[in-house]
Amino acid sequence: MSHRVTNSLGLRAALMVAAGASALLSAHGAEAQENPLFKRGENVGVLERPRPGYEALGIRTGSFVLYPKATFRVEYDSNVFAQTNAKPDTIYSVAPQLELQSDWGRHAASVRLEANLRRYGKHTSEDADTWALSGKGRLDVSRRTTLDVRAGHAERVEARTMGAYAVDPAEPIQYRTDNVTVIGRQEFGRARLVATAEVAKFDYDDGSEPGGTVIDQDYRDRTEAEVSAKVAYAISPATAVFVEIGAQQMSYDETTPINRDSQGMTALAGVDWEVTRLITGEASVGYIHQEFDDSRYGEVSNPHYRLRLNWYPTPLVTVGLTATQRVTESPLADSPAFMARTVELKADYELLRNLIISGQILGTEQDYRGIDRNDRRYGAGLSANYLLNRTVGIGLRYKYETLESSGANRGRDFDDQSVSLALILQR
C-alpha cells in the first residue's frame, strides 16, 4: 500500500474517531448561551429568518430528526469547457441529500450525506457523479465554554473554469478531500478566546489529454494544516476589539523535482462592532507572510486585511460586503501558490414570505508565485427561490463568470454564462 493511501486511510480513521467522540461527548454538560456582549444588533438576515408554514418538518427518529431533500435541475451553459471558442450544452442533474440533526436541549450533532449526479446532453465526457459525507458536533462544556468538531470526506471533480492546463484533459480531473476542524470557545467576563485547528488532505487523480497522453496530477497531492487564536474584548455591548494570530503549512507528498512546501503566518487586529442600528460588521488590518522551501519562489510579505459588513436597510433586505486575501494552492505545475484577493457584494430580498430574490457581484485577483501570471476573475449571479409549501420549491438561477489573464505565462481568457431551473422536494 502506498504512503499516500496509508495517510488517507489514517486521516479518514481520525475523522470517524472525531465524529464519534463528538457524538459521545454530547451526552453530558450544560447548555452554552450567547453572550450579549458579542451579539451585534437585533437584526436577522433574510436567509436566516424562520419561515413558518414553509419549513421542512423532517422525520423524527427518537431524539433526532431526518431531513431528506432532492433537487432536480436543468441548466443551459454557454461555455462548458471554459474556452475562448465557446461550446454550449444542456445539463441535467439530480442532487439528493440526507441530513440527520439532533433535537436536544443541550449540545448538538448532525450528519449529512449529499450527492450530485450530472449528465450533459452533447458533451458526455463531462458527465460526473460527486458525493460528500460530513458531520459536526457541539459540546456545551459550560455556559462559557464550547467545543465544536467538524469532519468530512468528499469526492469531487475540478471545474473547467480553473483554466489550469496547457492542454485540457479529455475528462474533468477527479479528486478527494478529507478534513477535520476543531474549534474551542472560552469566555472570561468581557473577553472571549476562540482557538481553531484544521487539517485537510487533497488527493488528485491523473488526467489524460484527448490523444491519451497522461496529465500528471500527483504534484498537487498535499496536506494543509492551519491553526489560529482570536482574543476579543468587549468594551461595550456594541463594540469589541480583537487580535487574531494564525499559522499555516502546506506539505506536498512529492518534493521533487520541485519542492512546493510552504509555511506562513497571519496577524490581524481589528474591531467587531455595531456601526449603527442597521449596520454591523468586522474590520481588521495586519500582516501576512508565506515562505516557500524552494528559494526560487521567494516569499510573500504583505499588509493584510479582512472586512465583513452587513446592512439591514429594511426588515426585508440584507446586504453583505466582504473583502479578504489569502495565500492559496496553485493548480499550475510551475507555480506553487498564488495570492488571492477577493471582494464580494451580495443582497437578499424577501419579496414575499415564500419568495427570496438574491444577487451577487464578485471580483478576485490571483497573483501567481514563481511565474509571470496574473488572473482577474469577475462574476455575477441572480436567483429566485419560491416555496410553494413545506415540501415543494422552485428555483431559478443565472450565473456569469469571466477570466482575464495577463503576463508572459498567461492562461486563456473566457466568458461563461448559465441559466437553470430547479425543482426542490423536501420533507
Foldseek 3Di string as FASTA:
>chain_A
DDPLVVVVVVLVVVLVVLQVVQVVLQPDADAADDDLLQDAFPADAQVRDDQPFAAAPAPDDPQKGKKKKKKWKKKKKQAQLQAAPRDIWIKTKMKIKIKIWGNDPHKIKMKMKMKMFMAIDPLRLATDIKIKIKMKIKRHRYNFKIKIKIKMKIKDFDGSNLLADPADFSHTKIKMKIKMKMWMWGDDVQKIKIKMKMKMWMGIDWTAGPVGHIRDQLQVTWMKIKIKMKMWGRPDSFKIKIKMKMKMWIAHPDPPPHHLTKIKMWIKIWMWGHPDNFKTWIKIKTWIKMQGPPCLQPIDIDIFIWIWMWGPPDSFKIKIKIWGWDWAARSYPQFGTWIKIKIKIKMWGCPDSFKIKIKMKMWMWTGTTNFFKIKIKIKMKIKMKGRPGNFKIKMKMKMKMWMDMDTPPTGGTGIMIMIMIMIMGMD
